[in-house]
Amino acid sequence: MGQVTLTFVEGEAALEPEEILYIETCRHKNIFHTKERTYSIYRKMDEIEALMEGMEFLRCHQSFLVNMRYIRKISSYVMTLTTGQELSVPKARYREVKRRYAEYLERDKR
């Protein structure tokens, strides 16, 4: 997996997929949360999701695209990240989110 280079509001940046914790939609912008800082971009979440395809990101909610390596657990319609943050998982997506995360854990064991 290579870097993702995007032109953010803050300027162009090349990010390693593993340094991105999650991406969140907030008032027409998408915020990339990394361990060090945040970056904002005016692009649709669907475009970003397509760009991150194959990089082990999971769309758990209309407004959240999460890096699966930072998920601690998923239960009772809540995804808990390793940072302690909790994100709600809508009932309509819950089964698919759990399935995709279980597949990720299986691949990760190998």
PDB file of N, CA and C in Angstrom:
ATOM      1  N   MET A   1       0.838  -1.185   0.000  1.00  0.00           N
ATOM      2  CA  MET A   1       0.000   0.000   0.000  1.00  0.00           C
ATOM      3  C   MET A   1       0.878   1.241   0.000  1.00  0.00           C
ATOM      4  N   GLY A   2       0.600   2.125  -0.934  1.00  0.00           N
ATOM      5  CA  GLY A   2       1.400   3.338  -1.018  1.00  0.00           C
ATOM      6  C   GLY A   2       0.740   4.498  -0.310  1.00  0.00           C
ATOM      7  N   GLN A   3       1.414   5.615  -0.417  1.00  0.00           N
ATOM      8  CA  GLN A   3       0.891   6.833   0.183  1.00  0.00           C
ATOM      9  C   GLN A   3      -0.318   7.338  -0.597  1.00  0.00           C
ATOM     10  N   VAL A   4      -1.112   8.135   0.082  1.00  0.00           N
ATOM     11  CA  VAL A   4      -2.239   8.813  -0.544  1.00  0.00           C
ATOM     12  C   VAL A   4      -1.866  10.288  -0.549  1.00  0.00           C
ATOM     13  N   THR A   5      -1.741  10.869  -1.729  1.00  0.00           N
ATOM     14  CA  THR A   5      -1.401  12.285  -1.832  1.00  0.00           C
ATOM     15  C   THR A   5      -2.643  13.050  -2.252  1.00  0.00           C
ATOM     16  N   LEU A   6      -3.027  14.005  -1.425  1.00  0.00           N
ATOM     17  CA  LEU A   6      -4.238  14.793  -1.676  1.00  0.00           C
ATOM     18  C   LEU A   6      -3.950  16.266  -1.436  1.00  0.00           C
ATOM     19  N   THR A   7      -4.742  17.110  -2.060  1.00  0.00           N
ATOM     20  CA  THR A   7      -4.643  18.546  -1.814  1.00  0.00           C
ATOM     21  C   THR A   7      -5.709  18.909  -0.796  1.00  0.00           C
ATOM     22  N   PHE A   8      -5.262  19.156   0.405  1.00  0.00           N
ATOM     23  CA  PHE A   8      -6.148  19.492   1.520  1.00  0.00           C
ATOM     24  C   PHE A   8      -6.291  21.009   1.620  1.00  0.00           C
ATOM     25  N   VAL A   9      -7.212  21.476   2.450  1.00  0.00           N
ATOM     26  CA  VAL A   9      -7.363  22.902   2.714  1.00  0.00           C
ATOM     27  C   VAL A   9      -6.023  23.448   3.228  1.00  0.00           C
ATOM     28  N   GLU A  10      -5.329  22.633   4.007  1.00  0.00           N
ATOM     29  CA  GLU A  10      -4.047  23.039   4.605  1.00  0.00           C
ATOM     30  C   GLU A  10      -2.883  22.948   3.618  1.00  0.00           C
ATOM     31  N   GLY A  11      -3.121  22.440   2.413  1.00  0.00           N
ATOM     32  CA  GLY A  11      -2.061  22.257   1.420  1.00  0.00           C
ATOM     33  C   GLY A  11      -1.923  20.792   1.062  1.00  0.00           C
ATOM     34  N   GLU A  12      -1.065  20.497   0.104  1.00  0.00           N
ATOM     35  CA  GLU A  12      -0.888  19.117  -0.325  1.00  0.00           C
ATOM     36  C   GLU A  12      -0.146  18.314   0.743  1.00  0.00           C
ATOM     37  N   ALA A  13      -0.578  17.079   0.930  1.00  0.00           N
ATOM     38  CA  ALA A  13       0.064  16.202   1.909  1.00  0.00           C
ATOM     39  C   ALA A  13       0.014  14.772   1.397  1.00  0.00           C
ATOM     40  N   ALA A  14       1.084  14.040   1.673  1.00  0.00           N
ATOM     41  CA  ALA A  14       1.142  12.612   1.355  1.00  0.00           C
ATOM     42  C   ALA A  14       1.016  11.860   2.668  1.00  0.00           C
ATOM     43  N   LEU A  15      -0.027  11.055   2.783  1.00  0.00           N
ATOM     44  CA  LEU A  15      -0.279  10.319   4.022  1.00  0.00           C
ATOM     45  C   LEU A  15      -0.131   8.823   3.782  1.00  0.00           C
ATOM     46  N   GLU A  16       0.474   8.147   4.739  1.00  0.00           N
ATOM     47  CA  GLU A  16       0.506   6.685   4.715  1.00  0.00           C
ATOM     48  C   GLU A  16      -0.856   6.219   5.222  1.00  0.00           C
ATOM     49  N   PRO A  17      -1.470   5.236   4.572  1.00  0.00           N
ATOM     50  CA  PRO A  17      -2.790   4.776   5.039  1.00  0.00           C
ATOM     51  C   PRO A  17      -2.796   4.390   6.521  1.00  0.00           C
ATOM     52  N   GLU A  18      -1.689   3.782   6.995  1.00  0.00           N
ATOM     53  CA  GLU A  18      -1.701   3.339   8.395  1.00  0.00           C
ATOM     54  C   GLU A  18      -1.636   4.481   9.401  1.00  0.00           C
ATOM     55  N   GLU A  19      -1.312   5.704   8.971  1.00  0.00           N
ATOM     56  CA  GLU A  19      -1.305   6.817   9.926  1.00  0.00           C
ATOM     57  C   GLU A  19      -2.671   7.496  10.036  1.00  0.00           C
ATOM     58  N   ILE A  20      -3.624   7.139   9.162  1.00  0.00           N
ATOM     59  CA  ILE A  20      -4.968   7.715   9.199  1.00  0.00           C
ATOM     60  C   ILE A  20      -5.833   6.859  10.134  1.00  0.00           C
ATOM     61  N   LEU A  21      -6.328   7.473  11.199  1.00  0.00           N
ATOM     62  CA  LEU A  21      -7.198   6.760  12.140  1.00  0.00           C
ATOM     63  C   LEU A  21      -8.587   6.590  11.532  1.00  0.00           C
ATOM     64  N   TYR A  22      -9.180   7.695  11.112  1.00  0.00           N
ATOM     65  CA  TYR A  22     -10.493   7.658  10.465  1.00  0.00           C
ATOM     66  C   TYR A  22     -10.716   8.965   9.727  1.00  0.00           C
ATOM     67  N   ILE A  23     -11.739   8.954   8.868  1.00  0.00           N
ATOM     68  CA  ILE A  23     -12.122  10.128   8.092  1.00  0.00           C
ATOM     69  C   ILE A  23     -13.576  10.410   8.438  1.00  0.00           C
ATOM     70  N   GLU A  24     -13.869  11.666   8.726  1.00  0.00           N
ATOM     71  CA  GLU A  24     -15.199  12.056   9.204  1.00  0.00           C
ATOM     72  C   GLU A  24     -15.752  13.195   8.364  1.00  0.00           C
ATOM     73  N   THR A  25     -17.034  13.106   8.018  1.00  0.00           N
ATOM     74  CA  THR A  25     -17.699  14.201   7.310  1.00  0.00           C
ATOM     75  C   THR A  25     -18.188  15.217   8.323  1.00  0.00           C
ATOM     76  N   CYS A  26     -17.891  16.478   8.045  1.00  0.00           N
ATOM     77  CA  CYS A  26     -18.317  17.557   8.944  1.00  0.00           C
ATOM     78  C   CYS A  26     -18.591  18.807   8.108  1.00  0.00           C
ATOM     79  N   ARG A  27     -19.839  19.164   7.954  1.00  0.00           N
ATOM     80  CA  ARG A  27     -20.243  20.374   7.210  1.00  0.00           C
ATOM     81  C   ARG A  27     -19.581  20.504   5.844  1.00  0.00           C
ATOM     82  N   HIS A  28     -19.880  19.626   4.947  1.00  0.00           N
ATOM     83  CA  HIS A  28     -19.390  19.637   3.564  1.00  0.00           C
ATOM     84  C   HIS A  28     -17.900  19.344   3.408  1.00  0.00           C
ATOM     85  N   LYS A  29     -17.194  19.176   4.513  1.00  0.00           N
ATOM     86  CA  LYS A  29     -15.776  18.841   4.449  1.00  0.00           C
ATOM     87  C   LYS A  29     -15.587  17.434   4.991  1.00  0.00           C
ATOM     88  N   ASN A  30     -14.494  16.817   4.595  1.00  0.00           N
ATOM     89  CA  ASN A  30     -14.106  15.559   5.211  1.00  0.00           C
ATOM     90  C   ASN A  30     -12.821  15.805   5.961  1.00  0.00           C
ATOM     91  N   ILE A  31     -12.792  15.356   7.201  1.00  0.00           N
ATOM     92  CA  ILE A  31     -11.654  15.566   8.087  1.00  0.00           C
ATOM     93  C   ILE A  31     -10.886  14.251   8.206  1.00  0.00           C
ATOM     94  N   PHE A  32      -9.622  14.267   7.840  1.00  0.00           N
ATOM     95  CA  PHE A  32      -8.746  13.111   8.006  1.00  0.00           C
ATOM     96  C   PHE A  32      -8.100  13.245   9.378  1.00  0.00           C
ATOM     97  N   HIS A  33      -8.382  12.298  10.266  1.00  0.00           N
ATOM     98  CA  HIS A  33      -7.796  12.305  11.607  1.00  0.00           C
ATOM     99  C   HIS A  33      -6.590  11.376  11.588  1.00  0.00           C
ATOM    100  N   THR A  34      -5.409  11.935  11.881  1.00  0.00           N
ATOM    101  CA  THR A  34      -4.209  11.116  11.987  1.00  0.00           C
ATOM    102  C   THR A  34      -3.742  11.183  13.431  1.00  0.00           C
ATOM    103  N   LYS A  35      -2.700  10.428  13.747  1.00  0.00           N
ATOM    104  CA  LYS A  35      -2.185  10.441  15.119  1.00  0.00           C
ATOM    105  C   LYS A  35      -1.647  11.821  15.487  1.00  0.00           C
ATOM    106  N   GLU A  36      -1.114  12.531  14.496  1.00  0.00           N
ATOM    107  CA  GLU A  36      -0.447  13.811  14.748  1.00  0.00           C
ATOM    108  C   GLU A  36      -1.353  15.032  14.604  1.00  0.00           C
ATOM    109  N   ARG A  37      -2.219  15.020  13.586  1.00  0.00           N
ATOM    110  CA  ARG A  37      -3.018  16.213  13.291  1.00  0.00           C
ATOM    111  C   ARG A  37      -4.223  15.857  12.442  1.00  0.00           C
ATOM    112  N   THR A  38      -4.978  16.885  12.042  1.00  0.00           N
ATOM    113  CA  THR A  38      -6.121  16.657  11.158  1.00  0.00           C
ATOM    114  C   THR A  38      -5.924  17.447   9.865  1.00  0.00           C
ATOM    115  N   TYR A  39      -6.532  16.931   8.804  1.00  0.00           N
ATOM    116  CA  TYR A  39      -6.503  17.567   7.495  1.00  0.00           C
ATOM    117  C   TYR A  39      -7.936  17.653   6.998  1.00  0.00           C
ATOM    118  N   SER A  40      -8.286  18.754   6.324  1.00  0.00           N
ATOM    119  CA  SER A  40      -9.633  18.936   5.791  1.00  0.00           C
ATOM    120  C   SER A  40      -9.592  18.947   4.272  1.00  0.00           C
ATOM    121  N   ILE A  41     -10.631  18.399   3.656  1.00  0.00           N
ATOM    122  CA  ILE A  41     -10.705  18.376   2.200  1.00  0.00           C
ATOM    123  C   ILE A  41     -12.163  18.495   1.775  1.00  0.00           C
ATOM    124  N   TYR A  42     -12.377  19.189   0.676  1.00  0.00           N
ATOM    125  CA  TYR A  42     -13.721  19.297   0.112  1.00  0.00           C
ATOM    126  C   TYR A  42     -13.871  18.254  -0.987  1.00  0.00           C
ATOM    127  N   ARG A  43     -14.191  17.034  -0.611  1.00  0.00           N
ATOM    128  CA  ARG A  43     -14.485  15.949  -1.548  1.00  0.00           C
ATOM    129  C   ARG A  43     -15.580  15.109  -0.934  1.00  0.00           C
ATOM    130  N   LYS A  44     -16.325  14.441  -1.777  1.00  0.00           N
ATOM    131  CA  LYS A  44     -17.402  13.583  -1.286  1.00  0.00           C
ATOM    132  C   LYS A  44     -16.815  12.339  -0.620  1.00  0.00           C
ATOM    133  N   MET A  45     -17.485  11.867   0.426  1.00  0.00           N
ATOM    134  CA  MET A  45     -17.028  10.673   1.138  1.00  0.00           C
ATOM    135  C   MET A  45     -16.971   9.476   0.190  1.00  0.00           C
ATOM    136  N   ASP A  46     -17.919   9.383  -0.747  1.00  0.00           N
ATOM    137  CA  ASP A  46     -17.907   8.270  -1.708  1.00  0.00           C
ATOM    138  C   ASP A  46     -16.620   8.270  -2.534  1.00  0.00           C
ATOM    139  N   GLU A  47     -16.138   9.458  -2.932  1.00  0.00           N
ATOM    140  CA  GLU A  47     -14.888   9.560  -3.699  1.00  0.00           C
ATOM    141  C   GLU A  47     -13.702   9.110  -2.845  1.00  0.00           C
ATOM    142  N   ILE A  48     -13.698   9.544  -1.601  1.00  0.00           N
ATOM    143  CA  ILE A  48     -12.601   9.186  -0.698  1.00  0.00           C
ATOM    144  C   ILE A  48     -12.623   7.681  -0.429  1.00  0.00           C
ATOM    145  N   GLU A  49     -13.814   7.134  -0.225  1.00  0.00           N
ATOM    146  CA  GLU A  49     -13.949   5.692   0.013  1.00  0.00           C
ATOM    147  C   GLU A  49     -13.390   4.920  -1.189  1.00  0.00           C
ATOM    148  N   ALA A  50     -13.695   5.369  -2.402  1.00  0.00           N
ATOM    149  CA  ALA A  50     -13.180   4.706  -3.609  1.00  0.00           C
ATOM    150  C   ALA A  50     -11.657   4.821  -3.678  1.00  0.00           C
ATOM    151  N   LEU A  51     -11.136   5.974  -3.302  1.00  0.00           N
ATOM    152  CA  LEU A  51      -9.685   6.202  -3.298  1.00  0.00           C
ATOM    153  C   LEU A  51      -8.978   5.276  -2.296  1.00  0.00           C
ATOM    154  N   MET A  52      -9.630   5.010  -1.162  1.00  0.00           N
ATOM    155  CA  MET A  52      -9.034   4.195  -0.092  1.00  0.00           C
ATOM    156  C   MET A  52      -9.317   2.704  -0.273  1.00  0.00           C
ATOM    157  N   GLU A  53      -9.991   2.326  -1.353  1.00  0.00           N
ATOM    158  CA  GLU A  53     -10.329   0.926  -1.647  1.00  0.00           C
ATOM    159  C   GLU A  53      -9.075   0.047  -1.545  1.00  0.00           C
ATOM    160  N   GLY A  54      -9.204  -1.090  -0.862  1.00  0.00           N
ATOM    161  CA  GLY A  54      -8.091  -2.025  -0.738  1.00  0.00           C
ATOM    162  C   GLY A  54      -7.088  -1.657   0.348  1.00  0.00           C
ATOM    163  N   MET A  55      -7.348  -0.583   1.088  1.00  0.00           N
ATOM    164  CA  MET A  55      -6.420  -0.134   2.144  1.00  0.00           C
ATOM    165  C   MET A  55      -6.952  -0.431   3.535  1.00  0.00           C
ATOM    166  N   GLU A  56      -7.941  -1.314   3.627  1.00  0.00           N
ATOM    167  CA  GLU A  56      -8.497  -1.756   4.904  1.00  0.00           C
ATOM    168  C   GLU A  56      -9.203  -0.660   5.692  1.00  0.00           C
ATOM    169  N   PHE A  57      -9.973   0.137   4.943  1.00  0.00           N
ATOM    170  CA  PHE A  57     -10.850   1.125   5.558  1.00  0.00           C
ATOM    171  C   PHE A  57     -12.276   0.603   5.469  1.00  0.00           C
ATOM    172  N   LEU A  58     -13.084   0.937   6.467  1.00  0.00           N
ATOM    173  CA  LEU A  58     -14.438   0.414   6.576  1.00  0.00           C
ATOM    174  C   LEU A  58     -15.412   1.568   6.779  1.00  0.00           C
ATOM    175  N   ARG A  59     -16.424   1.637   5.945  1.00  0.00           N
ATOM    176  CA  ARG A  59     -17.460   2.673   6.063  1.00  0.00           C
ATOM    177  C   ARG A  59     -18.470   2.170   7.077  1.00  0.00           C
ATOM    178  N   CYS A  60     -18.364   2.641   8.304  1.00  0.00           N
ATOM    179  CA  CYS A  60     -19.249   2.147   9.363  1.00  0.00           C
ATOM    180  C   CYS A  60     -20.506   2.992   9.497  1.00  0.00           C
ATOM    181  N   HIS A  61     -20.522   4.137   8.816  1.00  0.00           N
ATOM    182  CA  HIS A  61     -21.605   5.097   8.958  1.00  0.00           C
ATOM    183  C   HIS A  61     -21.527   6.002   7.743  1.00  0.00           C
ATOM    184  N   GLN A  62     -22.606   6.659   7.414  1.00  0.00           N
ATOM    185  CA  GLN A  62     -22.607   7.576   6.278  1.00  0.00           C
ATOM    186  C   GLN A  62     -21.480   8.610   6.415  1.00  0.00           C
ATOM    187  N   SER A  63     -21.160   9.004   7.637  1.00  0.00           N
ATOM    188  CA  SER A  63     -20.195  10.071   7.882  1.00  0.00           C
ATOM    189  C   SER A  63     -18.817   9.609   8.345  1.00  0.00           C
ATOM    190  N   PHE A  64     -18.574   8.301   8.433  1.00  0.00           N
ATOM    191  CA  PHE A  64     -17.293   7.819   8.949  1.00  0.00           C
ATOM    192  C   PHE A  64     -16.699   6.703   8.101  1.00  0.00           C
ATOM    193  N   LEU A  65     -15.419   6.849   7.783  1.00  0.00           N
ATOM    194  CA  LEU A  65     -14.633   5.820   7.115  1.00  0.00           C
ATOM    195  C   LEU A  65     -13.470   5.533   8.056  1.00  0.00           C
ATOM    196  N   VAL A  66     -13.413   4.322   8.602  1.00  0.00           N
ATOM    197  CA  VAL A  66     -12.488   4.000   9.685  1.00  0.00           C
ATOM    198  C   VAL A  66     -11.400   3.033   9.220  1.00  0.00           C
ATOM    199  N   ASN A  67     -10.179   3.292   9.669  1.00  0.00           N
ATOM    200  CA  ASN A  67      -9.063   2.383   9.410  1.00  0.00           C
ATOM    201  C   ASN A  67      -9.246   1.194  10.360  1.00  0.00           C
ATOM    202  N   MET A  68      -9.415  -0.002   9.789  1.00  0.00           N
ATOM    203  CA  MET A  68      -9.736  -1.175  10.618  1.00  0.00           C
ATOM    204  C   MET A  68      -8.637  -1.512  11.622  1.00  0.00           C
ATOM    205  N   ARG A  69      -7.399  -1.109  11.387  1.00  0.00           N
ATOM    206  CA  ARG A  69      -6.351  -1.443  12.367  1.00  0.00           C
ATOM    207  C   ARG A  69      -6.521  -0.689  13.687  1.00  0.00           C
ATOM    208  N   TYR A  70      -7.402   0.336  13.700  1.00  0.00           N
ATOM    209  CA  TYR A  70      -7.630   1.102  14.933  1.00  0.00           C
ATOM    210  C   TYR A  70      -8.972   0.787  15.597  1.00  0.00           C
ATOM    211  N   ILE A  71      -9.640  -0.272  15.148  1.00  0.00           N
ATOM    212  CA  ILE A  71     -10.890  -0.686  15.796  1.00  0.00           C
ATOM    213  C   ILE A  71     -10.538  -1.631  16.945  1.00  0.00           C
ATOM    214  N   ARG A  72     -11.029  -1.327  18.135  1.00  0.00           N
ATOM    215  CA  ARG A  72     -10.815  -2.219  19.274  1.00  0.00           C
ATOM    216  C   ARG A  72     -11.904  -3.276  19.309  1.00  0.00           C
ATOM    217  N   LYS A  73     -13.171  -2.837  19.125  1.00  0.00           N
ATOM    218  CA  LYS A  73     -14.277  -3.801  19.126  1.00  0.00           C
ATOM    219  C   LYS A  73     -15.519  -3.174  18.505  1.00  0.00           C
ATOM    220  N   ILE A  74     -16.438  -4.047  18.129  1.00  0.00           N
ATOM    221  CA  ILE A  74     -17.739  -3.623  17.621  1.00  0.00           C
ATOM    222  C   ILE A  74     -18.779  -4.447  18.371  1.00  0.00           C
ATOM    223  N   SER A  75     -19.646  -3.775  19.108  1.00  0.00           N
ATOM    224  CA  SER A  75     -20.730  -4.479  19.794  1.00  0.00           C
ATOM    225  C   SER A  75     -21.851  -3.506  20.119  1.00  0.00           C
ATOM    226  N   SER A  76     -23.056  -4.025  20.163  1.00  0.00           N
ATOM    227  CA  SER A  76     -24.253  -3.237  20.492  1.00  0.00           C
ATOM    228  C   SER A  76     -24.356  -1.956  19.660  1.00  0.00           C
ATOM    229  N   TYR A  77     -24.091  -2.079  18.352  1.00  0.00           N
ATOM    230  CA  TYR A  77     -24.201  -0.959  17.425  1.00  0.00           C
ATOM    231  C   TYR A  77     -23.226   0.183  17.729  1.00  0.00           C
ATOM    232  N   VAL A  78     -22.124  -0.152  18.394  1.00  0.00           N
ATOM    233  CA  VAL A  78     -21.094   0.843  18.701  1.00  0.00           C
ATOM    234  C   VAL A  78     -19.733   0.276  18.312  1.00  0.00           C
ATOM    235  N   MET A  79     -18.964   1.089  17.598  1.00  0.00           N
ATOM    236  CA  MET A  79     -17.585   0.726  17.252  1.00  0.00           C
ATOM    237  C   MET A  79     -16.671   1.517  18.183  1.00  0.00           C
ATOM    238  N   THR A  80     -15.801   0.818  18.902  1.00  0.00           N
ATOM    239  CA  THR A  80     -14.867   1.465  19.803  1.00  0.00           C
ATOM    240  C   THR A  80     -13.488   1.423  19.160  1.00  0.00           C
ATOM    241  N   LEU A  81     -12.868   2.592  19.070  1.00  0.00           N
ATOM    242  CA  LEU A  81     -11.533   2.677  18.480  1.00  0.00           C
ATOM    243  C   LEU A  81     -10.471   2.521  19.558  1.00  0.00           C
ATOM    244  N   THR A  82      -9.240   2.279  19.141  1.00  0.00           N
ATOM    245  CA  THR A  82      -8.142   2.114  20.101  1.00  0.00           C
ATOM    246  C   THR A  82      -7.889   3.414  20.870  1.00  0.00           C
ATOM    247  N   THR A  83      -8.373   4.536  20.349  1.00  0.00           N
ATOM    248  CA  THR A  83      -8.222   5.827  21.036  1.00  0.00           C
ATOM    249  C   THR A  83      -9.263   5.988  22.141  1.00  0.00           C
ATOM    250  N   GLY A  84     -10.246   5.046  22.185  1.00  0.00           N
ATOM    251  CA  GLY A  84     -11.325   5.138  23.163  1.00  0.00           C
ATOM    252  C   GLY A  84     -12.566   5.801  22.601  1.00  0.00           C
ATOM    253  N   GLN A  85     -12.449   6.423  21.440  1.00  0.00           N
ATOM    254  CA  GLN A  85     -13.600   7.072  20.817  1.00  0.00           C
ATOM    255  C   GLN A  85     -14.622   6.025  20.395  1.00  0.00           C
ATOM    256  N   GLU A  86     -15.892   6.361  20.540  1.00  0.00           N
ATOM    257  CA  GLU A  86     -16.970   5.453  20.148  1.00  0.00           C
ATOM    258  C   GLU A  86     -17.754   6.064  19.002  1.00  0.00           C
ATOM    259  N   LEU A  87     -18.013   5.253  17.978  1.00  0.00           N
ATOM    260  CA  LEU A  87     -18.795   5.681  16.823  1.00  0.00           C
ATOM    261  C   LEU A  87     -20.015   4.789  16.721  1.00  0.00           C
ATOM    262  N   SER A  88     -21.169   5.378  16.440  1.00  0.00           N
ATOM    263  CA  SER A  88     -22.362   4.542  16.310  1.00  0.00           C
ATOM    264  C   SER A  88     -22.366   3.872  14.945  1.00  0.00           C
ATOM    265  N   VAL A  89     -22.863   2.654  14.919  1.00  0.00           N
ATOM    266  CA  VAL A  89     -23.008   1.898  13.679  1.00  0.00           C
ATOM    267  C   VAL A  89     -24.515   1.711  13.476  1.00  0.00           C
ATOM    268  N   PRO A  90     -25.079   2.302  12.425  1.00  0.00           N
ATOM    269  CA  PRO A  90     -26.524   2.168  12.208  1.00  0.00           C
ATOM    270  C   PRO A  90     -26.943   0.717  12.030  1.00  0.00           C
ATOM    271  N   LYS A  91     -28.147   0.420  12.456  1.00  0.00           N
ATOM    272  CA  LYS A  91     -28.676  -0.943  12.367  1.00  0.00           C
ATOM    273  C   LYS A  91     -28.595  -1.486  10.942  1.00  0.00           C
ATOM    274  N   ALA A  92     -28.864  -0.642   9.947  1.00  0.00           N
ATOM    275  CA  ALA A  92     -28.848  -1.069   8.543  1.00  0.00           C
ATOM    276  C   ALA A  92     -27.460  -1.524   8.085  1.00  0.00           C
ATOM    277  N   ARG A  93     -26.406  -0.983   8.678  1.00  0.00           N
ATOM    278  CA  ARG A  93     -25.037  -1.337   8.270  1.00  0.00           C
ATOM    279  C   ARG A  93     -24.370  -2.341   9.209  1.00  0.00           C
ATOM    280  N   TYR A  94     -24.966  -2.564  10.370  1.00  0.00           N
ATOM    281  CA  TYR A  94     -24.295  -3.302  11.446  1.00  0.00           C
ATOM    282  C   TYR A  94     -23.787  -4.687  11.023  1.00  0.00           C
ATOM    283  N   ARG A  95     -24.644  -5.489  10.412  1.00  0.00           N
ATOM    284  CA  ARG A  95     -24.245  -6.854  10.035  1.00  0.00           C
ATOM    285  C   ARG A  95     -23.068  -6.826   9.048  1.00  0.00           C
ATOM    286  N   GLU A  96     -23.133  -5.952   8.047  1.00  0.00           N
ATOM    287  CA  GLU A  96     -22.076  -5.843   7.041  1.00  0.00           C
ATOM    288  C   GLU A  96     -20.763  -5.353   7.673  1.00  0.00           C
ATOM    289  N   VAL A  97     -20.857  -4.381   8.567  1.00  0.00           N
ATOM    290  CA  VAL A  97     -19.668  -3.852   9.255  1.00  0.00           C
ATOM    291  C   VAL A  97     -19.008  -4.959  10.083  1.00  0.00           C
ATOM    292  N   LYS A  98     -19.821  -5.709  10.834  1.00  0.00           N
ATOM    293  CA  LYS A  98     -19.279  -6.817  11.645  1.00  0.00           C
ATOM    294  C   LYS A  98     -18.622  -7.871  10.750  1.00  0.00           C
ATOM    295  N   ARG A  99     -19.262  -8.195   9.617  1.00  0.00           N
ATOM    296  CA  ARG A  99     -18.726  -9.199   8.699  1.00  0.00           C
ATOM    297  C   ARG A  99     -17.377  -8.749   8.114  1.00  0.00           C
ATOM    298  N   ARG A 100     -17.329  -7.523   7.638  1.00  0.00           N
ATOM    299  CA  ARG A 100     -16.087  -7.020   7.037  1.00  0.00           C
ATOM    300  C   ARG A 100     -14.965  -6.952   8.060  1.00  0.00           C
ATOM    301  N   TYR A 101     -15.275  -6.564   9.292  1.00  0.00           N
ATOM    302  CA  TYR A 101     -14.248  -6.492  10.336  1.00  0.00           C
ATOM    303  C   TYR A 101     -13.765  -7.899  10.706  1.00  0.00           C
ATOM    304  N   ALA A 102     -14.670  -8.869  10.782  1.00  0.00           N
ATOM    305  CA  ALA A 102     -14.286 -10.260  11.072  1.00  0.00           C
ATOM    306  C   ALA A 102     -13.364 -10.788   9.969  1.00  0.00           C
ATOM    307  N   GLU A 103     -13.672 -10.480   8.710  1.00  0.00           N
ATOM    308  CA  GLU A 103     -12.802 -10.890   7.593  1.00  0.00           C
ATOM    309  C   GLU A 103     -11.422 -10.261   7.718  1.00  0.00           C
ATOM    310  N   TYR A 104     -11.389  -8.992   8.099  1.00  0.00           N
ATOM    311  CA  TYR A 104     -10.116  -8.288   8.295  1.00  0.00           C
ATOM    312  C   TYR A 104      -9.295  -8.980   9.396  1.00  0.00           C
ATOM    313  N   LEU A 105      -9.944  -9.313  10.505  1.00  0.00           N
ATOM    314  CA  LEU A 105      -9.237  -9.979  11.613  1.00  0.00           C
ATOM    315  C   LEU A 105      -8.689 -11.327  11.167  1.00  0.00           C
ATOM    316  N   GLU A 106      -9.443 -12.081  10.371  1.00  0.00           N
ATOM    317  CA  GLU A 106      -8.977 -13.373   9.860  1.00  0.00           C
ATOM    318  C   GLU A 106      -7.750 -13.196   8.969  1.00  0.00           C
ATOM    319  N   ARG A 107      -7.809 -12.226   8.058  1.00  0.00           N
ATOM    320  CA  ARG A 107      -6.662 -11.949   7.161  1.00  0.00           C
ATOM    321  C   ARG A 107      -5.448 -11.512   7.970  1.00  0.00           C
ATOM    322  N   ASP A 108      -5.699 -10.719   8.990  1.00  0.00           N
ATOM    323  CA  ASP A 108      -4.623 -10.167   9.813  1.00  0.00           C
ATOM    324  C   ASP A 108      -3.883 -11.247  10.586  1.00  0.00           C
ATOM    325  N   LYS A 109      -4.567 -12.357  10.914  1.00  0.00           N
ATOM    326  CA  LYS A 109      -3.959 -13.454  11.673  1.00  0.00           C
ATOM    327  C   LYS A 109      -2.919 -14.209  10.844  1.00  0.00           C
ATOM    328  N   ARG A 110      -3.130 -14.231   9.526  1.00  0.00           N
ATOM    329  CA  ARG A 110      -2.250 -15.020   8.650  1.00  0.00           C
ATOM    330  C   ARG A 110      -0.876 -14.429   8.526  1.00  0.00           C
TER     331      ARG A 110
END
